[in-house]
Amino acid sequence: FTGSHHFVMDYLVEEVLQQQPESVQTFLLVTSILDRMCGPLCDAVLLDPSTSGQETLAYLEHANLFIVPLDNERHWYRYHHLFRDFLRQRLHQSAASSTGDAESRVNELHIRASQWYEDNGLEIEAFHHAAAANDIERAERLIEGKRIPLHFRGAVTAILDWLESLPTTVLNARPSLWWRYASLLLVNG
Protein backbone atom coordinates (compact mmCIF):
# COMPACT_ATOMS: atom_id res chain seq x y z
CA PHE A 1 0.00 0.00 0.00
CA THR A 2 1.82 3.09 -1.24
CA GLY A 3 1.18 6.67 -2.27
CA SER A 4 0.92 5.51 -5.87
CA HIS A 5 -1.91 3.03 -5.12
CA HIS A 6 -4.95 3.85 -7.29
CA PHE A 7 -7.48 4.37 -4.47
CA VAL A 8 -5.07 6.38 -2.36
CA MET A 9 -4.24 8.64 -5.31
CA ASP A 10 -7.89 9.23 -6.17
CA TYR A 11 -8.69 10.20 -2.61
CA LEU A 12 -5.65 12.46 -2.22
CA VAL A 13 -6.28 14.22 -5.53
CA GLU A 14 -10.01 14.77 -5.16
CA GLU A 15 -10.43 15.23 -1.43
CA VAL A 16 -7.16 16.77 -0.36
CA LEU A 17 -5.02 18.38 -3.04
CA GLN A 18 -7.70 19.92 -5.25
CA GLN A 19 -9.45 21.41 -2.22
CA GLN A 20 -6.41 23.59 -1.47
CA PRO A 21 -5.56 27.01 -2.94
CA GLU A 22 -3.06 27.01 -5.82
CA SER A 23 -0.27 28.40 -3.60
CA VAL A 24 -0.73 25.59 -1.07
CA GLN A 25 -0.78 22.97 -3.84
CA THR A 26 2.50 24.36 -5.17
CA PHE A 27 3.97 24.41 -1.66
CA LEU A 28 2.98 20.78 -1.09
CA LEU A 29 4.42 19.56 -4.38
CA VAL A 30 7.71 21.46 -4.15
CA THR A 31 8.40 20.62 -0.51
CA SER A 32 7.64 16.94 -1.06
CA ILE A 33 11.31 16.46 -1.99
CA LEU A 34 12.19 17.11 1.66
CA ASP A 35 12.24 14.28 4.18
CA ARG A 36 11.88 16.85 6.94
CA MET A 37 11.24 20.55 6.67
CA CYS A 38 11.15 23.84 8.51
CA GLY A 39 9.91 27.27 7.42
CA PRO A 40 13.25 28.72 6.31
CA LEU A 41 14.13 25.57 4.36
CA CYS A 42 10.75 25.66 2.59
CA ASP A 43 11.35 29.34 1.76
CA ALA A 44 14.75 28.49 0.26
CA VAL A 45 13.36 25.68 -1.88
CA LEU A 46 10.25 27.56 -3.01
CA LEU A 47 11.89 30.94 -3.75
CA ASP A 48 8.46 32.58 -3.48
CA PRO A 49 8.53 35.73 -1.34
CA SER A 50 4.72 35.87 -1.30
CA THR A 51 4.52 32.61 0.67
CA SER A 52 5.85 32.15 4.20
CA GLY A 53 7.11 28.64 4.79
CA GLN A 54 6.47 28.74 8.53
CA GLU A 55 2.95 30.11 8.13
CA THR A 56 2.13 27.51 5.48
CA LEU A 57 3.42 24.70 7.69
CA ALA A 58 1.26 25.99 10.56
CA TYR A 59 -1.74 26.12 8.21
CA LEU A 60 -1.10 22.56 7.01
CA GLU A 61 -0.83 21.30 10.58
CA HIS A 62 -4.02 23.14 11.62
CA ALA A 63 -5.85 21.73 8.56
CA ASN A 64 -4.65 18.19 9.41
CA LEU A 65 -3.07 17.76 5.98
CA PHE A 66 -0.92 14.72 6.70
CA ILE A 67 1.88 16.71 8.31
CA VAL A 68 3.64 15.51 11.45
CA PRO A 69 5.57 17.81 13.83
CA LEU A 70 8.98 16.41 14.71
CA ASP A 71 9.71 18.55 17.75
CA ASN A 72 7.83 20.27 20.57
CA GLU A 73 8.67 23.73 19.23
CA ARG A 74 6.88 22.92 15.98
CA HIS A 75 9.95 23.95 14.00
CA TRP A 76 10.56 20.73 12.04
CA TYR A 77 7.87 18.72 10.26
CA ARG A 78 7.52 15.84 7.84
CA TYR A 79 4.72 14.59 5.64
CA HIS A 80 3.01 11.28 6.28
CA HIS A 81 4.93 8.81 4.09
CA LEU A 82 1.92 7.91 1.89
CA PHE A 83 1.13 11.57 1.33
CA ARG A 84 4.79 12.33 0.59
CA ASP A 85 4.97 9.50 -1.96
CA PHE A 86 1.82 10.79 -3.62
CA LEU A 87 3.12 14.39 -3.71
CA ARG A 88 6.47 13.32 -5.16
CA GLN A 89 4.73 11.41 -7.91
CA ARG A 90 2.52 14.42 -8.68
CA LEU A 91 5.57 16.71 -8.65
CA HIS A 92 7.28 14.62 -11.32
CA GLN A 93 4.08 14.52 -13.38
CA SER A 94 3.51 18.27 -13.15
CA ALA A 95 7.17 19.11 -13.83
CA ALA A 96 7.17 16.86 -16.89
CA SER A 97 3.97 18.38 -18.27
CA SER A 98 4.98 22.01 -17.67
CA THR A 99 8.65 22.04 -18.65
CA GLY A 100 9.08 18.79 -20.49
CA ASP A 101 12.14 17.98 -18.38
CA ALA A 102 10.90 16.87 -14.97
CA GLU A 103 14.31 15.63 -13.89
CA SER A 104 16.07 18.99 -14.26
CA ARG A 105 13.21 20.83 -12.49
CA VAL A 106 13.28 18.44 -9.56
CA ASN A 107 17.11 18.48 -9.52
CA GLU A 108 16.97 22.27 -9.21
CA LEU A 109 14.80 21.91 -6.09
CA HIS A 110 17.24 19.38 -4.60
CA ILE A 111 20.16 21.74 -5.26
CA ARG A 112 18.35 24.57 -3.44
CA ALA A 113 17.69 22.24 -0.51
CA SER A 114 21.30 21.07 -0.54
CA GLN A 115 22.55 24.66 -0.48
CA TRP A 116 20.28 25.56 2.45
CA TYR A 117 21.36 22.51 4.44
CA GLU A 118 25.02 23.25 3.75
CA ASP A 119 24.62 26.91 4.72
CA ASN A 120 23.04 25.77 7.99
CA GLY A 121 25.74 23.24 8.87
CA LEU A 122 23.74 20.10 8.03
CA GLU A 123 26.22 18.51 5.63
CA ILE A 124 24.75 14.99 5.64
CA GLU A 125 21.36 16.28 4.52
CA ALA A 126 23.10 18.57 2.03
CA PHE A 127 24.91 15.53 0.62
CA HIS A 128 21.67 13.55 0.28
CA HIS A 129 20.07 16.32 -1.78
CA ALA A 130 23.19 16.87 -3.88
CA ALA A 131 23.26 13.15 -4.64
CA ALA A 132 19.53 13.19 -5.45
CA ALA A 133 20.18 16.09 -7.87
CA ASN A 134 23.05 14.19 -9.49
CA ASP A 135 25.30 17.16 -8.69
CA ILE A 136 28.54 15.19 -8.58
CA GLU A 137 30.85 18.13 -7.84
CA ARG A 138 28.74 19.34 -4.90
CA ALA A 139 28.30 15.81 -3.52
CA GLU A 140 32.03 15.11 -3.75
CA ARG A 141 32.85 18.40 -2.00
CA LEU A 142 30.32 17.65 0.74
CA ILE A 143 31.75 14.16 1.29
CA GLU A 144 35.11 15.74 2.09
CA GLY A 145 33.43 18.03 4.63
CA LYS A 146 34.62 21.37 5.91
CA ARG A 147 36.22 19.96 9.04
CA ILE A 148 35.38 16.28 9.30
CA PRO A 149 34.60 14.04 6.31
CA LEU A 150 31.02 12.75 6.21
CA HIS A 151 32.03 9.12 6.58
CA PHE A 152 33.31 9.91 10.08
CA ARG A 153 29.85 11.27 10.92
CA GLY A 154 27.88 8.14 10.10
CA ALA A 155 27.26 8.57 6.38
CA VAL A 156 29.37 5.66 5.09
CA THR A 157 26.39 3.67 3.80
CA ALA A 158 24.78 6.70 2.14
CA ILE A 159 28.05 7.61 0.40
CA LEU A 160 28.67 4.03 -0.72
CA ASP A 161 25.12 3.75 -2.06
CA TRP A 162 25.59 6.96 -4.03
CA LEU A 163 28.98 5.89 -5.40
CA GLU A 164 27.56 2.52 -6.42
CA SER A 165 24.71 4.26 -8.26
CA LEU A 166 27.11 6.28 -10.42
CA PRO A 167 27.92 5.02 -13.91
CA THR A 168 31.45 3.68 -14.35
CA THR A 169 32.18 6.46 -16.85
CA VAL A 170 31.62 9.07 -14.12
CA LEU A 171 33.89 7.21 -11.72
CA ASN A 172 36.55 6.79 -14.41
CA ALA A 173 36.44 10.53 -15.14
CA ARG A 174 37.04 11.24 -11.45
CA PRO A 175 39.69 8.90 -10.01
CA SER A 176 39.21 10.51 -6.59
CA LEU A 177 35.75 8.93 -6.47
CA TRP A 178 37.24 5.48 -7.13
CA TRP A 179 39.76 6.10 -4.34
CA ARG A 180 37.00 7.21 -1.97
CA TYR A 181 34.87 4.20 -2.92
CA ALA A 182 37.74 1.80 -2.20
CA SER A 183 38.63 3.48 1.11
CA LEU A 184 34.99 3.42 2.27
CA LEU A 185 34.70 -0.26 1.39
CA LEU A 186 37.78 -0.80 3.52
CA VAL A 187 36.30 1.25 6.40
CA ASN A 188 33.06 -0.69 6.08
CA GLY A 189 34.91 -3.99 6.34
C-alpha atoms as a PDB file:
ATOM      1  CA  PHE A   1       0.000   0.000   0.000  1.00  0.00           C
ATOM      2  CA  THR A   2       1.824   3.090  -1.241  1.00  0.00           C
ATOM      3  CA  GLY A   3       1.183   6.675  -2.272  1.00  0.00           C
ATOM      4  CA  SER A   4       0.916   5.509  -5.870  1.00  0.00           C
ATOM      5  CA  HIS A   5      -1.907   3.032  -5.125  1.00  0.00           C
ATOM      6  CA  HIS A   6      -4.951   3.854  -7.292  1.00  0.00           C
ATOM      7  CA  PHE A   7      -7.480   4.371  -4.466  1.00  0.00           C
ATOM      8  CA  VAL A   8      -5.067   6.384  -2.355  1.00  0.00           C
ATOM      9  CA  MET A   9      -4.242   8.644  -5.306  1.00  0.00           C
ATOM     10  CA  ASP A  10      -7.895   9.226  -6.169  1.00  0.00           C
ATOM     11  CA  TYR A  11      -8.691  10.199  -2.605  1.00  0.00           C
ATOM     12  CA  LEU A  12      -5.655  12.458  -2.218  1.00  0.00           C
ATOM     13  CA  VAL A  13      -6.280  14.224  -5.533  1.00  0.00           C
ATOM     14  CA  GLU A  14     -10.010  14.768  -5.165  1.00  0.00           C
ATOM     15  CA  GLU A  15     -10.430  15.227  -1.426  1.00  0.00           C
ATOM     16  CA  VAL A  16      -7.157  16.770  -0.362  1.00  0.00           C
ATOM     17  CA  LEU A  17      -5.015  18.380  -3.042  1.00  0.00           C
ATOM     18  CA  GLN A  18      -7.698  19.924  -5.254  1.00  0.00           C
ATOM     19  CA  GLN A  19      -9.447  21.413  -2.216  1.00  0.00           C
ATOM     20  CA  GLN A  20      -6.409  23.592  -1.473  1.00  0.00           C
ATOM     21  CA  PRO A  21      -5.564  27.013  -2.942  1.00  0.00           C
ATOM     22  CA  GLU A  22      -3.056  27.007  -5.817  1.00  0.00           C
ATOM     23  CA  SER A  23      -0.274  28.402  -3.599  1.00  0.00           C
ATOM     24  CA  VAL A  24      -0.735  25.588  -1.069  1.00  0.00           C
ATOM     25  CA  GLN A  25      -0.781  22.974  -3.841  1.00  0.00           C
ATOM     26  CA  THR A  26       2.503  24.355  -5.174  1.00  0.00           C
ATOM     27  CA  PHE A  27       3.974  24.409  -1.664  1.00  0.00           C
ATOM     28  CA  LEU A  28       2.980  20.781  -1.085  1.00  0.00           C
ATOM     29  CA  LEU A  29       4.417  19.564  -4.379  1.00  0.00           C
ATOM     30  CA  VAL A  30       7.708  21.459  -4.153  1.00  0.00           C
ATOM     31  CA  THR A  31       8.400  20.623  -0.507  1.00  0.00           C
ATOM     32  CA  SER A  32       7.641  16.945  -1.060  1.00  0.00           C
ATOM     33  CA  ILE A  33      11.309  16.462  -1.993  1.00  0.00           C
ATOM     34  CA  LEU A  34      12.188  17.110   1.659  1.00  0.00           C
ATOM     35  CA  ASP A  35      12.239  14.280   4.182  1.00  0.00           C
ATOM     36  CA  ARG A  36      11.877  16.853   6.943  1.00  0.00           C
ATOM     37  CA  MET A  37      11.236  20.554   6.672  1.00  0.00           C
ATOM     38  CA  CYS A  38      11.148  23.838   8.513  1.00  0.00           C
ATOM     39  CA  GLY A  39       9.907  27.267   7.424  1.00  0.00           C
ATOM     40  CA  PRO A  40      13.249  28.722   6.306  1.00  0.00           C
ATOM     41  CA  LEU A  41      14.130  25.567   4.358  1.00  0.00           C
ATOM     42  CA  CYS A  42      10.751  25.657   2.589  1.00  0.00           C
ATOM     43  CA  ASP A  43      11.349  29.336   1.758  1.00  0.00           C
ATOM     44  CA  ALA A  44      14.748  28.493   0.257  1.00  0.00           C
ATOM     45  CA  VAL A  45      13.364  25.681  -1.880  1.00  0.00           C
ATOM     46  CA  LEU A  46      10.254  27.563  -3.014  1.00  0.00           C
ATOM     47  CA  LEU A  47      11.887  30.940  -3.752  1.00  0.00           C
ATOM     48  CA  ASP A  48       8.463  32.582  -3.480  1.00  0.00           C
ATOM     49  CA  PRO A  49       8.535  35.734  -1.336  1.00  0.00           C
ATOM     50  CA  SER A  50       4.723  35.874  -1.303  1.00  0.00           C
ATOM     51  CA  THR A  51       4.525  32.608   0.668  1.00  0.00           C
ATOM     52  CA  SER A  52       5.851  32.154   4.197  1.00  0.00           C
ATOM     53  CA  GLY A  53       7.107  28.637   4.789  1.00  0.00           C
ATOM     54  CA  GLN A  54       6.469  28.738   8.532  1.00  0.00           C
ATOM     55  CA  GLU A  55       2.949  30.110   8.125  1.00  0.00           C
ATOM     56  CA  THR A  56       2.127  27.509   5.481  1.00  0.00           C
ATOM     57  CA  LEU A  57       3.422  24.703   7.690  1.00  0.00           C
ATOM     58  CA  ALA A  58       1.260  25.991  10.557  1.00  0.00           C
ATOM     59  CA  TYR A  59      -1.743  26.118   8.211  1.00  0.00           C
ATOM     60  CA  LEU A  60      -1.095  22.558   7.010  1.00  0.00           C
ATOM     61  CA  GLU A  61      -0.830  21.304  10.582  1.00  0.00           C
ATOM     62  CA  HIS A  62      -4.016  23.138  11.617  1.00  0.00           C
ATOM     63  CA  ALA A  63      -5.851  21.732   8.556  1.00  0.00           C
ATOM     64  CA  ASN A  64      -4.649  18.187   9.411  1.00  0.00           C
ATOM     65  CA  LEU A  65      -3.070  17.761   5.982  1.00  0.00           C
ATOM     66  CA  PHE A  66      -0.918  14.718   6.696  1.00  0.00           C
ATOM     67  CA  ILE A  67       1.877  16.713   8.312  1.00  0.00           C
ATOM     68  CA  VAL A  68       3.639  15.511  11.451  1.00  0.00           C
ATOM     69  CA  PRO A  69       5.571  17.811  13.829  1.00  0.00           C
ATOM     70  CA  LEU A  70       8.980  16.407  14.712  1.00  0.00           C
ATOM     71  CA  ASP A  71       9.706  18.550  17.752  1.00  0.00           C
ATOM     72  CA  ASN A  72       7.834  20.266  20.569  1.00  0.00           C
ATOM     73  CA  GLU A  73       8.669  23.728  19.231  1.00  0.00           C
ATOM     74  CA  ARG A  74       6.878  22.922  15.977  1.00  0.00           C
ATOM     75  CA  HIS A  75       9.954  23.948  13.997  1.00  0.00           C
ATOM     76  CA  TRP A  76      10.561  20.729  12.043  1.00  0.00           C
ATOM     77  CA  TYR A  77       7.872  18.724  10.256  1.00  0.00           C
ATOM     78  CA  ARG A  78       7.523  15.845   7.839  1.00  0.00           C
ATOM     79  CA  TYR A  79       4.716  14.595   5.635  1.00  0.00           C
ATOM     80  CA  HIS A  80       3.013  11.283   6.277  1.00  0.00           C
ATOM     81  CA  HIS A  81       4.925   8.808   4.094  1.00  0.00           C
ATOM     82  CA  LEU A  82       1.919   7.907   1.894  1.00  0.00           C
ATOM     83  CA  PHE A  83       1.127  11.567   1.331  1.00  0.00           C
ATOM     84  CA  ARG A  84       4.791  12.332   0.590  1.00  0.00           C
ATOM     85  CA  ASP A  85       4.968   9.500  -1.960  1.00  0.00           C
ATOM     86  CA  PHE A  86       1.822  10.786  -3.620  1.00  0.00           C
ATOM     87  CA  LEU A  87       3.120  14.385  -3.711  1.00  0.00           C
ATOM     88  CA  ARG A  88       6.467  13.316  -5.159  1.00  0.00           C
ATOM     89  CA  GLN A  89       4.730  11.407  -7.914  1.00  0.00           C
ATOM     90  CA  ARG A  90       2.525  14.425  -8.678  1.00  0.00           C
ATOM     91  CA  LEU A  91       5.570  16.715  -8.654  1.00  0.00           C
ATOM     92  CA  HIS A  92       7.275  14.617 -11.317  1.00  0.00           C
ATOM     93  CA  GLN A  93       4.082  14.522 -13.380  1.00  0.00           C
ATOM     94  CA  SER A  94       3.506  18.269 -13.154  1.00  0.00           C
ATOM     95  CA  ALA A  95       7.168  19.111 -13.830  1.00  0.00           C
ATOM     96  CA  ALA A  96       7.166  16.861 -16.893  1.00  0.00           C
ATOM     97  CA  SER A  97       3.974  18.381 -18.272  1.00  0.00           C
ATOM     98  CA  SER A  98       4.982  22.007 -17.672  1.00  0.00           C
ATOM     99  CA  THR A  99       8.655  22.043 -18.654  1.00  0.00           C
ATOM    100  CA  GLY A 100       9.081  18.795 -20.488  1.00  0.00           C
ATOM    101  CA  ASP A 101      12.142  17.975 -18.377  1.00  0.00           C
ATOM    102  CA  ALA A 102      10.904  16.872 -14.972  1.00  0.00           C
ATOM    103  CA  GLU A 103      14.311  15.633 -13.886  1.00  0.00           C
ATOM    104  CA  SER A 104      16.068  18.995 -14.263  1.00  0.00           C
ATOM    105  CA  ARG A 105      13.215  20.834 -12.489  1.00  0.00           C
ATOM    106  CA  VAL A 106      13.285  18.435  -9.560  1.00  0.00           C
ATOM    107  CA  ASN A 107      17.110  18.480  -9.524  1.00  0.00           C
ATOM    108  CA  GLU A 108      16.974  22.266  -9.208  1.00  0.00           C
ATOM    109  CA  LEU A 109      14.799  21.906  -6.095  1.00  0.00           C
ATOM    110  CA  HIS A 110      17.240  19.380  -4.603  1.00  0.00           C
ATOM    111  CA  ILE A 111      20.160  21.740  -5.258  1.00  0.00           C
ATOM    112  CA  ARG A 112      18.348  24.568  -3.439  1.00  0.00           C
ATOM    113  CA  ALA A 113      17.693  22.242  -0.509  1.00  0.00           C
ATOM    114  CA  SER A 114      21.298  21.074  -0.539  1.00  0.00           C
ATOM    115  CA  GLN A 115      22.548  24.662  -0.483  1.00  0.00           C
ATOM    116  CA  TRP A 116      20.275  25.560   2.451  1.00  0.00           C
ATOM    117  CA  TYR A 117      21.356  22.514   4.442  1.00  0.00           C
ATOM    118  CA  GLU A 118      25.016  23.250   3.750  1.00  0.00           C
ATOM    119  CA  ASP A 119      24.620  26.911   4.722  1.00  0.00           C
ATOM    120  CA  ASN A 120      23.040  25.766   7.991  1.00  0.00           C
ATOM    121  CA  GLY A 121      25.738  23.237   8.872  1.00  0.00           C
ATOM    122  CA  LEU A 122      23.743  20.104   8.025  1.00  0.00           C
ATOM    123  CA  GLU A 123      26.217  18.505   5.626  1.00  0.00           C
ATOM    124  CA  ILE A 124      24.755  14.993   5.642  1.00  0.00           C
ATOM    125  CA  GLU A 125      21.357  16.282   4.520  1.00  0.00           C
ATOM    126  CA  ALA A 126      23.104  18.570   2.035  1.00  0.00           C
ATOM    127  CA  PHE A 127      24.906  15.534   0.620  1.00  0.00           C
ATOM    128  CA  HIS A 128      21.670  13.553   0.285  1.00  0.00           C
ATOM    129  CA  HIS A 129      20.066  16.325  -1.776  1.00  0.00           C
ATOM    130  CA  ALA A 130      23.189  16.872  -3.885  1.00  0.00           C
ATOM    131  CA  ALA A 131      23.261  13.148  -4.642  1.00  0.00           C
ATOM    132  CA  ALA A 132      19.531  13.191  -5.454  1.00  0.00           C
ATOM    133  CA  ALA A 133      20.175  16.085  -7.867  1.00  0.00           C
ATOM    134  CA  ASN A 134      23.046  14.190  -9.490  1.00  0.00           C
ATOM    135  CA  ASP A 135      25.302  17.155  -8.689  1.00  0.00           C
ATOM    136  CA  ILE A 136      28.543  15.193  -8.577  1.00  0.00           C
ATOM    137  CA  GLU A 137      30.854  18.128  -7.835  1.00  0.00           C
ATOM    138  CA  ARG A 138      28.737  19.336  -4.905  1.00  0.00           C
ATOM    139  CA  ALA A 139      28.296  15.809  -3.516  1.00  0.00           C
ATOM    140  CA  GLU A 140      32.031  15.109  -3.746  1.00  0.00           C
ATOM    141  CA  ARG A 141      32.850  18.400  -2.004  1.00  0.00           C
ATOM    142  CA  LEU A 142      30.318  17.653   0.737  1.00  0.00           C
ATOM    143  CA  ILE A 143      31.751  14.163   1.289  1.00  0.00           C
ATOM    144  CA  GLU A 144      35.107  15.737   2.091  1.00  0.00           C
ATOM    145  CA  GLY A 145      33.427  18.028   4.634  1.00  0.00           C
ATOM    146  CA  LYS A 146      34.624  21.368   5.914  1.00  0.00           C
ATOM    147  CA  ARG A 147      36.223  19.960   9.037  1.00  0.00           C
ATOM    148  CA  ILE A 148      35.382  16.279   9.298  1.00  0.00           C
ATOM    149  CA  PRO A 149      34.598  14.036   6.309  1.00  0.00           C
ATOM    150  CA  LEU A 150      31.022  12.751   6.214  1.00  0.00           C
ATOM    151  CA  HIS A 151      32.029   9.118   6.582  1.00  0.00           C
ATOM    152  CA  PHE A 152      33.312   9.908  10.082  1.00  0.00           C
ATOM    153  CA  ARG A 153      29.853  11.269  10.924  1.00  0.00           C
ATOM    154  CA  GLY A 154      27.881   8.144  10.099  1.00  0.00           C
ATOM    155  CA  ALA A 155      27.258   8.573   6.380  1.00  0.00           C
ATOM    156  CA  VAL A 156      29.372   5.658   5.089  1.00  0.00           C
ATOM    157  CA  THR A 157      26.389   3.674   3.796  1.00  0.00           C
ATOM    158  CA  ALA A 158      24.785   6.704   2.136  1.00  0.00           C
ATOM    159  CA  ILE A 159      28.050   7.607   0.399  1.00  0.00           C
ATOM    160  CA  LEU A 160      28.671   4.027  -0.716  1.00  0.00           C
ATOM    161  CA  ASP A 161      25.117   3.747  -2.061  1.00  0.00           C
ATOM    162  CA  TRP A 162      25.594   6.962  -4.035  1.00  0.00           C
ATOM    163  CA  LEU A 163      28.981   5.894  -5.398  1.00  0.00           C
ATOM    164  CA  GLU A 164      27.560   2.519  -6.421  1.00  0.00           C
ATOM    165  CA  SER A 165      24.713   4.260  -8.258  1.00  0.00           C
ATOM    166  CA  LEU A 166      27.106   6.280 -10.416  1.00  0.00           C
ATOM    167  CA  PRO A 167      27.921   5.023 -13.906  1.00  0.00           C
ATOM    168  CA  THR A 168      31.446   3.684 -14.351  1.00  0.00           C
ATOM    169  CA  THR A 169      32.176   6.458 -16.854  1.00  0.00           C
ATOM    170  CA  VAL A 170      31.616   9.072 -14.119  1.00  0.00           C
ATOM    171  CA  LEU A 171      33.887   7.211 -11.716  1.00  0.00           C
ATOM    172  CA  ASN A 172      36.551   6.790 -14.413  1.00  0.00           C
ATOM    173  CA  ALA A 173      36.441  10.526 -15.136  1.00  0.00           C
ATOM    174  CA  ARG A 174      37.043  11.241 -11.445  1.00  0.00           C
ATOM    175  CA  PRO A 175      39.690   8.897 -10.006  1.00  0.00           C
ATOM    176  CA  SER A 176      39.211  10.508  -6.587  1.00  0.00           C
ATOM    177  CA  LEU A 177      35.752   8.930  -6.470  1.00  0.00           C
ATOM    178  CA  TRP A 178      37.244   5.475  -7.130  1.00  0.00           C
ATOM    179  CA  TRP A 179      39.758   6.102  -4.345  1.00  0.00           C
ATOM    180  CA  ARG A 180      37.004   7.213  -1.972  1.00  0.00           C
ATOM    181  CA  TYR A 181      34.875   4.196  -2.924  1.00  0.00           C
ATOM    182  CA  ALA A 182      37.745   1.797  -2.199  1.00  0.00           C
ATOM    183  CA  SER A 183      38.629   3.482   1.106  1.00  0.00           C
ATOM    184  CA  LEU A 184      34.995   3.421   2.271  1.00  0.00           C
ATOM    185  CA  LEU A 185      34.697  -0.256   1.391  1.00  0.00           C
ATOM    186  CA  LEU A 186      37.777  -0.801   3.523  1.00  0.00           C
ATOM    187  CA  VAL A 187      36.304   1.254   6.396  1.00  0.00           C
ATOM    188  CA  ASN A 188      33.055  -0.687   6.075  1.00  0.00           C
ATOM    189  CA  GLY A 189      34.909  -3.987   6.336  1.00  0.00           C
END
